[in-house]
Amino acid sequence: MKEIQQLLDITQSLKRQFEGRLDFSLDGRLVGDIGEALVSERFDIELYGKNKHRYDGYHHLPEKRFK
């Protein structure tokens, strides 16, 4: 099914873009990873990485933590 292959290709591309920070695995985490990626890009949030901190990321100026 070509749609499944497209989804796999897209998730591989996103994994490379957010290497070490988000998985984009095809399970229940996918929606959360997509949300974090969108917020990260839109609000210039630097993501810490997978389960490394209590917060998902931070903004450089001023330093604020987002959960």
Protein backbone atom coordinates (compact mmCIF):
# COMPACT_ATOMS: atom_id res chain seq x y z
CA MET A 1 0.00 0.00 0.00
CA LYS A 2 1.64 3.24 -1.16
CA GLU A 3 0.18 5.36 1.68
CA ILE A 4 1.93 3.19 4.27
CA GLN A 5 5.24 3.56 2.41
CA GLN A 6 4.73 7.33 2.27
CA LEU A 7 4.09 7.40 6.02
CA LEU A 8 7.24 5.35 6.64
CA ASP A 9 9.27 7.66 4.39
CA ILE A 10 7.92 10.75 6.15
CA THR A 11 8.64 9.37 9.62
CA GLN A 12 12.20 8.44 8.57
CA SER A 13 12.76 11.98 7.31
CA LEU A 14 11.39 13.46 10.55
CA LYS A 15 13.59 11.12 12.63
CA ARG A 16 16.65 12.41 10.79
CA GLN A 17 15.54 16.04 11.32
CA PHE A 18 15.01 15.56 15.06
CA GLU A 19 17.71 12.92 15.62
CA GLY A 20 18.10 11.98 19.26
CA ARG A 21 15.18 14.16 20.35
CA LEU A 22 12.04 12.57 18.88
CA ASP A 23 11.30 9.05 17.58
CA PHE A 24 8.25 9.49 15.34
CA SER A 25 7.58 5.80 15.92
CA LEU A 26 4.39 4.43 14.40
CA ASP A 27 2.61 3.91 17.68
CA GLY A 28 0.76 6.05 20.19
CA ARG A 29 3.74 8.39 20.51
CA LEU A 30 3.54 9.58 16.91
CA VAL A 31 0.88 12.22 17.59
CA GLY A 32 2.81 13.55 20.58
CA ASP A 33 6.07 13.68 18.62
CA ILE A 34 4.35 15.54 15.78
CA GLY A 35 2.90 18.01 18.29
CA GLU A 36 6.28 18.59 19.93
CA ALA A 37 7.95 19.07 16.56
CA LEU A 38 5.35 21.63 15.47
CA VAL A 39 5.61 23.59 18.72
CA SER A 40 9.41 23.39 18.58
CA GLU A 41 9.48 24.89 15.09
CA ARG A 42 6.71 27.46 15.65
CA PHE A 43 7.95 28.84 18.98
CA ASP A 44 11.70 28.24 18.59
CA ILE A 45 11.79 25.70 21.42
CA GLU A 46 14.93 23.60 21.79
CA LEU A 47 13.95 20.04 22.67
CA TYR A 48 16.03 18.22 25.29
CA GLY A 49 15.62 14.74 23.92
CA LYS A 50 13.84 11.58 24.83
CA ASN A 51 13.00 11.42 28.55
CA LYS A 52 16.14 13.30 29.60
CA HIS A 53 14.49 16.06 31.61
CA ARG A 54 11.32 16.80 33.47
CA TYR A 55 10.50 19.33 30.74
CA ASP A 56 10.38 18.69 26.99
CA GLY A 57 12.39 21.75 26.01
CA TYR A 58 13.36 25.36 26.53
CA HIS A 59 13.37 28.70 24.78
CA HIS A 60 16.70 30.50 24.62
CA LEU A 61 15.59 34.03 25.58
CA PRO A 62 14.31 34.29 28.22
CA GLU A 63 14.78 30.76 29.50
CA LYS A 64 11.34 29.27 30.01
CA ARG A 65 10.49 25.63 30.43
CA PHE A 66 7.63 23.99 28.58
CA LYS A 67 6.00 20.77 29.58
